Amino acid sequence: MKRLLFVCAKNRLRSPTAEAVFSGFDGIETSSAGTAPDAECVIDLGMVEWADAIFVMEARHKKFLQTRFADGLKGKSVICLGVPDRYTYMQPELVDLLRQKMAAYLSQR
């Protein structure tokens, strides 16, 4: 089972959408978290350690993880999907964009 963690700032729109979209794929377990102190689910070291791969929505999220969890990220892939914060939860355009951005990674498993 491959464990994928999706990260955005508030864990309200983008990362929960990604978690929901990819949770139904065979052989994949998903979770999501946010980097902001007031996120729905604030990322912690346990989540970083749980994940096989971490997908962040913006470069600033990757920088946050590298600063905050440097030791926990050793040997882990942290991939920036480049998804801007302009979508609502499960918005069809967001779902399509996430599927496009994740296609290369999902075909490698």
PDB file of N, CA and C in Angstrom:
ATOM      1  N   MET A   1       0.848  -1.179   0.000  1.00  0.00           N
ATOM      2  CA  MET A   1       0.000   0.000   0.000  1.00  0.00           C
ATOM      3  C   MET A   1       0.889   1.237   0.000  1.00  0.00           C
ATOM      4  N   LYS A   2       0.684   2.114  -0.940  1.00  0.00           N
ATOM      5  CA  LYS A   2       1.433   3.373  -1.046  1.00  0.00           C
ATOM      6  C   LYS A   2       0.660   4.457  -0.296  1.00  0.00           C
ATOM      7  N   ARG A   3       1.354   5.163   0.592  1.00  0.00           N
ATOM      8  CA  ARG A   3       0.710   6.206   1.415  1.00  0.00           C
ATOM      9  C   ARG A   3       1.081   7.587   0.893  1.00  0.00           C
ATOM     10  N   LEU A   4       0.067   8.339   0.451  1.00  0.00           N
ATOM     11  CA  LEU A   4       0.258   9.666  -0.110  1.00  0.00           C
ATOM     12  C   LEU A   4      -0.340  10.711   0.820  1.00  0.00           C
ATOM     13  N   LEU A   5       0.447  11.734   1.105  1.00  0.00           N
ATOM     14  CA  LEU A   5       0.004  12.845   1.944  1.00  0.00           C
ATOM     15  C   LEU A   5      -0.076  14.098   1.082  1.00  0.00           C
ATOM     16  N   PHE A   6      -1.226  14.773   1.122  1.00  0.00           N
ATOM     17  CA  PHE A   6      -1.447  16.003   0.368  1.00  0.00           C
ATOM     18  C   PHE A   6      -1.471  17.172   1.343  1.00  0.00           C
ATOM     19  N   VAL A   7      -0.741  18.237   0.977  1.00  0.00           N
ATOM     20  CA  VAL A   7      -0.576  19.366   1.891  1.00  0.00           C
ATOM     21  C   VAL A   7      -0.895  20.687   1.188  1.00  0.00           C
ATOM     22  N   CYS A   8      -1.692  21.514   1.855  1.00  0.00           N
ATOM     23  CA  CYS A   8      -1.908  22.902   1.444  1.00  0.00           C
ATOM     24  C   CYS A   8      -1.820  23.744   2.710  1.00  0.00           C
ATOM     25  N   ALA A   9      -2.335  24.942   2.704  1.00  0.00           N
ATOM     26  CA  ALA A   9      -2.201  25.814   3.879  1.00  0.00           C
ATOM     27  C   ALA A   9      -3.237  25.502   4.959  1.00  0.00           C
ATOM     28  N   LYS A  10      -4.498  25.576   4.623  1.00  0.00           N
ATOM     29  CA  LYS A  10      -5.569  25.473   5.625  1.00  0.00           C
ATOM     30  C   LYS A  10      -6.213  24.087   5.702  1.00  0.00           C
ATOM     31  N   ASN A  11      -5.886  23.203   4.767  1.00  0.00           N
ATOM     32  CA  ASN A  11      -6.466  21.858   4.737  1.00  0.00           C
ATOM     33  C   ASN A  11      -7.993  21.919   4.692  1.00  0.00           C
ATOM     34  N   ARG A  12      -8.507  22.830   3.866  1.00  0.00           N
ATOM     35  CA  ARG A  12      -9.955  22.963   3.732  1.00  0.00           C
ATOM     36  C   ARG A  12     -10.444  22.728   2.310  1.00  0.00           C
ATOM     37  N   LEU A  13      -9.602  23.007   1.310  1.00  0.00           N
ATOM     38  CA  LEU A  13     -10.072  22.956  -0.070  1.00  0.00           C
ATOM     39  C   LEU A  13      -9.224  22.032  -0.949  1.00  0.00           C
ATOM     40  N   ARG A  14      -7.987  22.415  -1.201  1.00  0.00           N
ATOM     41  CA  ARG A  14      -7.168  21.662  -2.156  1.00  0.00           C
ATOM     42  C   ARG A  14      -6.722  20.298  -1.651  1.00  0.00           C
ATOM     43  N   SER A  15      -6.063  20.264  -0.505  1.00  0.00           N
ATOM     44  CA  SER A  15      -5.551  18.964  -0.039  1.00  0.00           C
ATOM     45  C   SER A  15      -6.665  17.984   0.344  1.00  0.00           C
ATOM     46  N   PRO A  16      -7.775  18.420   0.959  1.00  0.00           N
ATOM     47  CA  PRO A  16      -8.853  17.454   1.198  1.00  0.00           C
ATOM     48  C   PRO A  16      -9.494  16.945  -0.100  1.00  0.00           C
ATOM     49  N   THR A  17      -9.522  17.812  -1.119  1.00  0.00           N
ATOM     50  CA  THR A  17     -10.033  17.355  -2.420  1.00  0.00           C
ATOM     51  C   THR A  17      -9.125  16.266  -2.967  1.00  0.00           C
ATOM     52  N   ALA A  18      -7.817  16.501  -2.943  1.00  0.00           N
ATOM     53  CA  ALA A  18      -6.872  15.487  -3.430  1.00  0.00           C
ATOM     54  C   ALA A  18      -6.996  14.197  -2.638  1.00  0.00           C
ATOM     55  N   GLU A  19      -7.107  14.321  -1.327  1.00  0.00           N
ATOM     56  CA  GLU A  19      -7.273  13.128  -0.486  1.00  0.00           C
ATOM     57  C   GLU A  19      -8.504  12.333  -0.923  1.00  0.00           C
ATOM     58  N   ALA A  20      -9.610  13.018  -1.148  1.00  0.00           N
ATOM     59  CA  ALA A  20     -10.855  12.344  -1.541  1.00  0.00           C
ATOM     60  C   ALA A  20     -10.745  11.729  -2.935  1.00  0.00           C
ATOM     61  N   VAL A  21     -10.173  12.464  -3.872  1.00  0.00           N
ATOM     62  CA  VAL A  21     -10.088  11.996  -5.259  1.00  0.00           C
ATOM     63  C   VAL A  21      -9.239  10.736  -5.376  1.00  0.00           C
ATOM     64  N   PHE A  22      -8.104  10.714  -4.698  1.00  0.00           N
ATOM     65  CA  PHE A  22      -7.177   9.594  -4.880  1.00  0.00           C
ATOM     66  C   PHE A  22      -7.341   8.480  -3.857  1.00  0.00           C
ATOM     67  N   SER A  23      -8.224   8.652  -2.901  1.00  0.00           N
ATOM     68  CA  SER A  23      -8.427   7.609  -1.888  1.00  0.00           C
ATOM     69  C   SER A  23      -9.056   6.350  -2.468  1.00  0.00           C
ATOM     70  N   GLY A  24      -9.726   6.469  -3.581  1.00  0.00           N
ATOM     71  CA  GLY A  24     -10.381   5.309  -4.175  1.00  0.00           C
ATOM     72  C   GLY A  24      -9.500   4.477  -5.082  1.00  0.00           C
ATOM     73  N   PHE A  25      -8.260   4.885  -5.270  1.00  0.00           N
ATOM     74  CA  PHE A  25      -7.358   4.150  -6.148  1.00  0.00           C
ATOM     75  C   PHE A  25      -6.828   2.903  -5.432  1.00  0.00           C
ATOM     76  N   ASP A  26      -6.775   1.794  -6.161  1.00  0.00           N
ATOM     77  CA  ASP A  26      -6.242   0.552  -5.598  1.00  0.00           C
ATOM     78  C   ASP A  26      -4.783   0.731  -5.192  1.00  0.00           C
ATOM     79  N   GLY A  27      -4.458   0.237  -4.032  1.00  0.00           N
ATOM     80  CA  GLY A  27      -3.080   0.256  -3.567  1.00  0.00           C
ATOM     81  C   GLY A  27      -2.621   1.590  -3.031  1.00  0.00           C
ATOM     82  N   ILE A  28      -3.550   2.524  -2.838  1.00  0.00           N
ATOM     83  CA  ILE A  28      -3.187   3.846  -2.341  1.00  0.00           C
ATOM     84  C   ILE A  28      -3.999   4.174  -1.098  1.00  0.00           C
ATOM     85  N   GLU A  29      -3.306   4.686  -0.105  1.00  0.00           N
ATOM     86  CA  GLU A  29      -3.933   5.218   1.099  1.00  0.00           C
ATOM     87  C   GLU A  29      -3.595   6.701   1.121  1.00  0.00           C
ATOM     88  N   THR A  30      -4.568   7.556   1.425  1.00  0.00           N
ATOM     89  CA  THR A  30      -4.337   8.997   1.377  1.00  0.00           C
ATOM     90  C   THR A  30      -4.666   9.677   2.695  1.00  0.00           C
ATOM     91  N   SER A  31      -4.044  10.826   2.869  1.00  0.00           N
ATOM     92  CA  SER A  31      -4.342  11.698   3.991  1.00  0.00           C
ATOM     93  C   SER A  31      -4.034  13.114   3.541  1.00  0.00           C
ATOM     94  N   SER A  32      -4.466  14.096   4.331  1.00  0.00           N
ATOM     95  CA  SER A  32      -4.169  15.483   3.992  1.00  0.00           C
ATOM     96  C   SER A  32      -3.977  16.285   5.263  1.00  0.00           C
ATOM     97  N   ALA A  33      -3.280  17.415   5.090  1.00  0.00           N
ATOM     98  CA  ALA A  33      -2.987  18.284   6.229  1.00  0.00           C
ATOM     99  C   ALA A  33      -2.676  19.676   5.721  1.00  0.00           C
ATOM    100  N   GLY A  34      -2.606  20.608   6.672  1.00  0.00           N
ATOM    101  CA  GLY A  34      -2.285  21.988   6.334  1.00  0.00           C
ATOM    102  C   GLY A  34      -1.083  22.475   7.112  1.00  0.00           C
ATOM    103  N   THR A  35      -0.455  23.517   6.599  1.00  0.00           N
ATOM    104  CA  THR A  35       0.730  24.082   7.242  1.00  0.00           C
ATOM    105  C   THR A  35       0.391  25.210   8.212  1.00  0.00           C
ATOM    106  N   ALA A  36      -0.772  25.810   8.075  1.00  0.00           N
ATOM    107  CA  ALA A  36      -1.151  26.949   8.923  1.00  0.00           C
ATOM    108  C   ALA A  36      -1.561  26.480  10.319  1.00  0.00           C
ATOM    109  N   PRO A  37      -1.298  27.295  11.335  1.00  0.00           N
ATOM    110  CA  PRO A  37      -1.679  26.921  12.702  1.00  0.00           C
ATOM    111  C   PRO A  37      -3.185  26.704  12.880  1.00  0.00           C
ATOM    112  N   ASP A  38      -3.994  27.337  12.022  1.00  0.00           N
ATOM    113  CA  ASP A  38      -5.454  27.178  12.122  1.00  0.00           C
ATOM    114  C   ASP A  38      -6.023  26.241  11.061  1.00  0.00           C
ATOM    115  N   ALA A  39      -5.176  25.393  10.497  1.00  0.00           N
ATOM    116  CA  ALA A  39      -5.639  24.416   9.507  1.00  0.00           C
ATOM    117  C   ALA A  39      -6.599  23.424  10.159  1.00  0.00           C
ATOM    118  N   GLU A  40      -7.454  22.842   9.344  1.00  0.00           N
ATOM    119  CA  GLU A  40      -8.384  21.820   9.842  1.00  0.00           C
ATOM    120  C   GLU A  40      -7.615  20.679  10.511  1.00  0.00           C
ATOM    121  N   CYS A  41      -6.548  20.252   9.864  1.00  0.00           N
ATOM    122  CA  CYS A  41      -5.656  19.223  10.416  1.00  0.00           C
ATOM    123  C   CYS A  41      -4.235  19.731  10.185  1.00  0.00           C
ATOM    124  N   VAL A  42      -3.551  20.113  11.251  1.00  0.00           N
ATOM    125  CA  VAL A  42      -2.207  20.672  11.140  1.00  0.00           C
ATOM    126  C   VAL A  42      -1.195  19.536  10.983  1.00  0.00           C
ATOM    127  N   ILE A  43      -0.339  19.672   9.984  1.00  0.00           N
ATOM    128  CA  ILE A  43       0.655  18.631   9.727  1.00  0.00           C
ATOM    129  C   ILE A  43       1.599  18.495  10.921  1.00  0.00           C
ATOM    130  N   ASP A  44       1.984  17.246  11.180  1.00  0.00           N
ATOM    131  CA  ASP A  44       2.937  16.983  12.259  1.00  0.00           C
ATOM    132  C   ASP A  44       3.939  15.927  11.799  1.00  0.00           C
ATOM    133  N   LEU A  45       4.939  15.689  12.611  1.00  0.00           N
ATOM    134  CA  LEU A  45       6.001  14.758  12.248  1.00  0.00           C
ATOM    135  C   LEU A  45       5.458  13.354  11.993  1.00  0.00           C
ATOM    136  N   GLY A  46       4.484  12.936  12.765  1.00  0.00           N
ATOM    137  CA  GLY A  46       3.902  11.606  12.561  1.00  0.00           C
ATOM    138  C   GLY A  46       3.318  11.442  11.171  1.00  0.00           C
ATOM    139  N   MET A  47       2.683  12.474  10.664  1.00  0.00           N
ATOM    140  CA  MET A  47       2.110  12.417   9.316  1.00  0.00           C
ATOM    141  C   MET A  47       3.211  12.347   8.263  1.00  0.00           C
ATOM    142  N   VAL A  48       4.255  13.126   8.466  1.00  0.00           N
ATOM    143  CA  VAL A  48       5.389  13.113   7.545  1.00  0.00           C
ATOM    144  C   VAL A  48       6.016  11.717   7.527  1.00  0.00           C
ATOM    145  N   GLU A  49       6.210  11.145   8.687  1.00  0.00           N
ATOM    146  CA  GLU A  49       6.809   9.813   8.772  1.00  0.00           C
ATOM    147  C   GLU A  49       5.897   8.742   8.182  1.00  0.00           C
ATOM    148  N   TRP A  50       4.581   8.908   8.298  1.00  0.00           N
ATOM    149  CA  TRP A  50       3.599   7.959   7.765  1.00  0.00           C
ATOM    150  C   TRP A  50       3.659   7.883   6.247  1.00  0.00           C
ATOM    151  N   ALA A  51       3.884   9.017   5.599  1.00  0.00           N
ATOM    152  CA  ALA A  51       3.776   9.110   4.138  1.00  0.00           C
ATOM    153  C   ALA A  51       4.958   8.492   3.410  1.00  0.00           C
ATOM    154  N   ASP A  52       4.645   7.846   2.288  1.00  0.00           N
ATOM    155  CA  ASP A  52       5.689   7.401   1.364  1.00  0.00           C
ATOM    156  C   ASP A  52       6.088   8.544   0.436  1.00  0.00           C
ATOM    157  N   ALA A  53       5.110   9.370   0.073  1.00  0.00           N
ATOM    158  CA  ALA A  53       5.345  10.538  -0.784  1.00  0.00           C
ATOM    159  C   ALA A  53       4.430  11.656  -0.313  1.00  0.00           C
ATOM    160  N   ILE A  54       4.933  12.881  -0.401  1.00  0.00           N
ATOM    161  CA  ILE A  54       4.179  14.049   0.036  1.00  0.00           C
ATOM    162  C   ILE A  54       4.011  14.976  -1.163  1.00  0.00           C
ATOM    163  N   PHE A  55       2.773  15.375  -1.398  1.00  0.00           N
ATOM    164  CA  PHE A  55       2.442  16.272  -2.498  1.00  0.00           C
ATOM    165  C   PHE A  55       1.941  17.582  -1.926  1.00  0.00           C
ATOM    166  N   VAL A  56       2.678  18.659  -2.211  1.00  0.00           N
ATOM    167  CA  VAL A  56       2.290  19.980  -1.730  1.00  0.00           C
ATOM    168  C   VAL A  56       1.676  20.754  -2.888  1.00  0.00           C
ATOM    169  N   MET A  57       0.814  21.696  -2.542  1.00  0.00           N
ATOM    170  CA  MET A  57       0.134  22.462  -3.577  1.00  0.00           C
ATOM    171  C   MET A  57       0.978  23.621  -4.100  1.00  0.00           C
ATOM    172  N   GLU A  58       1.821  24.208  -3.254  1.00  0.00           N
ATOM    173  CA  GLU A  58       2.628  25.361  -3.650  1.00  0.00           C
ATOM    174  C   GLU A  58       4.050  25.207  -3.112  1.00  0.00           C
ATOM    175  N   ALA A  59       4.975  25.913  -3.747  1.00  0.00           N
ATOM    176  CA  ALA A  59       6.389  25.848  -3.336  1.00  0.00           C
ATOM    177  C   ALA A  59       6.577  26.276  -1.885  1.00  0.00           C
ATOM    178  N   ARG A  60       5.777  27.226  -1.423  1.00  0.00           N
ATOM    179  CA  ARG A  60       5.928  27.685  -0.031  1.00  0.00           C
ATOM    180  C   ARG A  60       5.600  26.574   0.966  1.00  0.00           C
ATOM    181  N   HIS A  61       4.731  25.652   0.592  1.00  0.00           N
ATOM    182  CA  HIS A  61       4.418  24.522   1.475  1.00  0.00           C
ATOM    183  C   HIS A  61       5.616  23.572   1.559  1.00  0.00           C
ATOM    184  N   LYS A  62       6.291  23.389   0.444  1.00  0.00           N
ATOM    185  CA  LYS A  62       7.483  22.535   0.430  1.00  0.00           C
ATOM    186  C   LYS A  62       8.576  23.147   1.302  1.00  0.00           C
ATOM    187  N   LYS A  63       8.771  24.464   1.182  1.00  0.00           N
ATOM    188  CA  LYS A  63       9.776  25.146   1.998  1.00  0.00           C
ATOM    189  C   LYS A  63       9.448  25.012   3.484  1.00  0.00           C
ATOM    190  N   PHE A  64       8.173  25.135   3.823  1.00  0.00           N
ATOM    191  CA  PHE A  64       7.746  24.974   5.213  1.00  0.00           C
ATOM    192  C   PHE A  64       8.121  23.588   5.727  1.00  0.00           C
ATOM    193  N   LEU A  65       7.812  22.561   4.946  1.00  0.00           N
ATOM    194  CA  LEU A  65       8.124  21.185   5.370  1.00  0.00           C
ATOM    195  C   LEU A  65       9.627  20.980   5.508  1.00  0.00           C
ATOM    196  N   GLN A  66      10.394  21.503   4.563  1.00  0.00           N
ATOM    197  CA  GLN A  66      11.844  21.336   4.612  1.00  0.00           C
ATOM    198  C   GLN A  66      12.445  22.026   5.833  1.00  0.00           C
ATOM    199  N   THR A  67      11.864  23.140   6.232  1.00  0.00           N
ATOM    200  CA  THR A  67      12.343  23.863   7.410  1.00  0.00           C
ATOM    201  C   THR A  67      11.907  23.184   8.697  1.00  0.00           C
ATOM    202  N   ARG A  68      10.658  22.783   8.751  1.00  0.00           N
ATOM    203  CA  ARG A  68      10.060  22.261   9.988  1.00  0.00           C
ATOM    204  C   ARG A  68      10.370  20.793  10.239  1.00  0.00           C
ATOM    205  N   PHE A  69      10.445  19.997   9.164  1.00  0.00           N
ATOM    206  CA  PHE A  69      10.575  18.544   9.318  1.00  0.00           C
ATOM    207  C   PHE A  69      11.757  17.972   8.535  1.00  0.00           C
ATOM    208  N   ALA A  70      12.870  18.674   8.504  1.00  0.00           N
ATOM    209  CA  ALA A  70      14.022  18.260   7.696  1.00  0.00           C
ATOM    210  C   ALA A  70      14.428  16.811   7.961  1.00  0.00           C
ATOM    211  N   ASP A  71      14.550  16.429   9.211  1.00  0.00           N
ATOM    212  CA  ASP A  71      14.970  15.053   9.530  1.00  0.00           C
ATOM    213  C   ASP A  71      13.925  14.032   9.093  1.00  0.00           C
ATOM    214  N   GLY A  72      12.657  14.348   9.277  1.00  0.00           N
ATOM    215  CA  GLY A  72      11.585  13.428   8.900  1.00  0.00           C
ATOM    216  C   GLY A  72      11.421  13.250   7.411  1.00  0.00           C
ATOM    217  N   LEU A  73      11.955  14.179   6.629  1.00  0.00           N
ATOM    218  CA  LEU A  73      11.819  14.111   5.168  1.00  0.00           C
ATOM    219  C   LEU A  73      12.921  13.310   4.495  1.00  0.00           C
ATOM    220  N   LYS A  74      13.927  12.915   5.246  1.00  0.00           N
ATOM    221  CA  LYS A  74      15.030  12.171   4.641  1.00  0.00           C
ATOM    222  C   LYS A  74      14.510  10.908   3.959  1.00  0.00           C
ATOM    223  N   GLY A  75      14.863  10.769   2.684  1.00  0.00           N
ATOM    224  CA  GLY A  75      14.449   9.611   1.909  1.00  0.00           C
ATOM    225  C   GLY A  75      13.035   9.695   1.370  1.00  0.00           C
ATOM    226  N   LYS A  76      12.351  10.808   1.575  1.00  0.00           N
ATOM    227  CA  LYS A  76      10.968  10.971   1.107  1.00  0.00           C
ATOM    228  C   LYS A  76      10.927  11.896  -0.103  1.00  0.00           C
ATOM    229  N   SER A  77       9.994  11.633  -0.977  1.00  0.00           N
ATOM    230  CA  SER A  77       9.743  12.527  -2.098  1.00  0.00           C
ATOM    231  C   SER A  77       8.752  13.589  -1.663  1.00  0.00           C
ATOM    232  N   VAL A  78       9.094  14.853  -1.922  1.00  0.00           N
ATOM    233  CA  VAL A  78       8.173  15.964  -1.699  1.00  0.00           C
ATOM    234  C   VAL A  78       7.999  16.646  -3.048  1.00  0.00           C
ATOM    235  N   ILE A  79       6.814  16.518  -3.608  1.00  0.00           N
ATOM    236  CA  ILE A  79       6.543  16.995  -4.957  1.00  0.00           C
ATOM    237  C   ILE A  79       5.589  18.175  -4.913  1.00  0.00           C
ATOM    238  N   CYS A  80       5.979  19.258  -5.574  1.00  0.00           N
ATOM    239  CA  CYS A  80       5.118  20.440  -5.652  1.00  0.00           C
ATOM    240  C   CYS A  80       4.245  20.322  -6.892  1.00  0.00           C
ATOM    241  N   LEU A  81       2.937  20.315  -6.685  1.00  0.00           N
ATOM    242  CA  LEU A  81       1.988  20.180  -7.791  1.00  0.00           C
ATOM    243  C   LEU A  81       1.685  21.513  -8.468  1.00  0.00           C
ATOM    244  N   GLY A  82       1.969  22.625  -7.817  1.00  0.00           N
ATOM    245  CA  GLY A  82       1.711  23.923  -8.418  1.00  0.00           C
ATOM    246  C   GLY A  82       0.234  24.207  -8.635  1.00  0.00           C
ATOM    247  N   VAL A  83      -0.571  23.938  -7.626  1.00  0.00           N
ATOM    248  CA  VAL A  83      -2.019  24.171  -7.704  1.00  0.00           C
ATOM    249  C   VAL A  83      -2.344  25.437  -6.910  1.00  0.00           C
ATOM    250  N   PRO A  84      -2.786  26.504  -7.595  1.00  0.00           N
ATOM    251  CA  PRO A  84      -3.057  27.766  -6.895  1.00  0.00           C
ATOM    252  C   PRO A  84      -4.294  27.680  -5.997  1.00  0.00           C
ATOM    253  N   ASP A  85      -4.330  28.583  -5.041  1.00  0.00           N
ATOM    254  CA  ASP A  85      -5.424  28.616  -4.062  1.00  0.00           C
ATOM    255  C   ASP A  85      -6.585  29.458  -4.608  1.00  0.00           C
ATOM    256  N   ARG A  86      -7.299  28.886  -5.579  1.00  0.00           N
ATOM    257  CA  ARG A  86      -8.435  29.599  -6.161  1.00  0.00           C
ATOM    258  C   ARG A  86      -9.614  28.675  -6.469  1.00  0.00           C
ATOM    259  N   TYR A  87      -9.655  27.558  -5.807  1.00  0.00           N
ATOM    260  CA  TYR A  87     -10.701  26.568  -6.058  1.00  0.00           C
ATOM    261  C   TYR A  87     -11.497  26.291  -4.785  1.00  0.00           C
ATOM    262  N   THR A  88     -12.685  25.764  -4.974  1.00  0.00           N
ATOM    263  CA  THR A  88     -13.494  25.313  -3.855  1.00  0.00           C
ATOM    264  C   THR A  88     -13.328  23.802  -3.711  1.00  0.00           C
ATOM    265  N   TYR A  89     -13.774  23.282  -2.591  1.00  0.00           N
ATOM    266  CA  TYR A  89     -13.677  21.844  -2.323  1.00  0.00           C
ATOM    267  C   TYR A  89     -14.427  21.060  -3.397  1.00  0.00           C
ATOM    268  N   MET A  90     -13.747  20.119  -4.010  1.00  0.00           N
ATOM    269  CA  MET A  90     -14.285  19.216  -5.037  1.00  0.00           C
ATOM    270  C   MET A  90     -14.770  19.946  -6.292  1.00  0.00           C
ATOM    271  N   GLN A  91     -14.321  21.163  -6.512  1.00  0.00           N
ATOM    272  CA  GLN A  91     -14.659  21.892  -7.732  1.00  0.00           C
ATOM    273  C   GLN A  91     -14.163  21.063  -8.919  1.00  0.00           C
ATOM    274  N   PRO A  92     -15.007  20.839  -9.929  1.00  0.00           N
ATOM    275  CA  PRO A  92     -14.603  19.985 -11.057  1.00  0.00           C
ATOM    276  C   PRO A  92     -13.283  20.396 -11.701  1.00  0.00           C
ATOM    277  N   GLU A  93     -13.022  21.689 -11.818  1.00  0.00           N
ATOM    278  CA  GLU A  93     -11.757  22.137 -12.402  1.00  0.00           C
ATOM    279  C   GLU A  93     -10.565  21.754 -11.527  1.00  0.00           C
ATOM    280  N   LEU A  94     -10.750  21.791 -10.224  1.00  0.00           N
ATOM    281  CA  LEU A  94      -9.698  21.371  -9.307  1.00  0.00           C
ATOM    282  C   LEU A  94      -9.464  19.872  -9.420  1.00  0.00           C
ATOM    283  N   VAL A  95     -10.531  19.109  -9.458  1.00  0.00           N
ATOM    284  CA  VAL A  95     -10.409  17.648  -9.596  1.00  0.00           C
ATOM    285  C   VAL A  95      -9.669  17.306 -10.879  1.00  0.00           C
ATOM    286  N   ASP A  96     -10.042  17.946 -11.993  1.00  0.00           N
ATOM    287  CA  ASP A  96      -9.369  17.694 -13.273  1.00  0.00           C
ATOM    288  C   ASP A  96      -7.886  18.058 -13.210  1.00  0.00           C
ATOM    289  N   LEU A  97      -7.584  19.208 -12.613  1.00  0.00           N
ATOM    290  CA  LEU A  97      -6.200  19.654 -12.505  1.00  0.00           C
ATOM    291  C   LEU A  97      -5.375  18.693 -11.656  1.00  0.00           C
ATOM    292  N   LEU A  98      -5.928  18.261 -10.535  1.00  0.00           N
ATOM    293  CA  LEU A  98      -5.220  17.305  -9.679  1.00  0.00           C
ATOM    294  C   LEU A  98      -4.972  15.991 -10.416  1.00  0.00           C
ATOM    295  N   ARG A  99      -5.952  15.516 -11.154  1.00  0.00           N
ATOM    296  CA  ARG A  99      -5.763  14.267 -11.913  1.00  0.00           C
ATOM    297  C   ARG A  99      -4.663  14.420 -12.955  1.00  0.00           C
ATOM    298  N   GLN A 100      -4.630  15.569 -13.621  1.00  0.00           N
ATOM    299  CA  GLN A 100      -3.569  15.823 -14.610  1.00  0.00           C
ATOM    300  C   GLN A 100      -2.202  15.864 -13.939  1.00  0.00           C
ATOM    301  N   LYS A 101      -2.102  16.597 -12.851  1.00  0.00           N
ATOM    302  CA  LYS A 101      -0.811  16.770 -12.165  1.00  0.00           C
ATOM    303  C   LYS A 101      -0.312  15.459 -11.552  1.00  0.00           C
ATOM    304  N   MET A 102      -1.221  14.611 -11.131  1.00  0.00           N
ATOM    305  CA  MET A 102      -0.846  13.354 -10.463  1.00  0.00           C
ATOM    306  C   MET A 102      -0.642  12.191 -11.425  1.00  0.00           C
ATOM    307  N   ALA A 103      -1.036  12.344 -12.675  1.00  0.00           N
ATOM    308  CA  ALA A 103      -1.000  11.231 -13.633  1.00  0.00           C
ATOM    309  C   ALA A 103       0.381  10.590 -13.731  1.00  0.00           C
ATOM    310  N   ALA A 104       1.407  11.399 -13.832  1.00  0.00           N
ATOM    311  CA  ALA A 104       2.770  10.858 -13.980  1.00  0.00           C
ATOM    312  C   ALA A 104       3.181  10.066 -12.738  1.00  0.00           C
ATOM    313  N   TYR A 105       2.816  10.551 -11.562  1.00  0.00           N
ATOM    314  CA  TYR A 105       3.203   9.892 -10.314  1.00  0.00           C
ATOM    315  C   TYR A 105       2.424   8.599 -10.100  1.00  0.00           C
ATOM    316  N   LEU A 106       1.166   8.613 -10.479  1.00  0.00           N
ATOM    317  CA  LEU A 106       0.339   7.411 -10.285  1.00  0.00           C
ATOM    318  C   LEU A 106       0.727   6.307 -11.252  1.00  0.00           C
ATOM    319  N   SER A 107       1.247   6.657 -12.421  1.00  0.00           N
ATOM    320  CA  SER A 107       1.653   5.643 -13.383  1.00  0.00           C
ATOM    321  C   SER A 107       2.969   4.971 -12.996  1.00  0.00           C
ATOM    322  N   GLN A 108       3.720   5.574 -12.060  1.00  0.00           N
ATOM    323  CA  GLN A 108       5.009   5.024 -11.623  1.00  0.00           C
ATOM    324  C   GLN A 108       4.884   3.992 -10.519  1.00  0.00           C
ATOM    325  N   ARG A 109       3.742   3.847  -9.938  1.00  0.00           N
ATOM    326  CA  ARG A 109       3.634   2.975  -8.771  1.00  0.00           C
ATOM    327  C   ARG A 109       3.549   1.523  -9.104  1.00  0.00           C
TER     328      ARG A 109
END
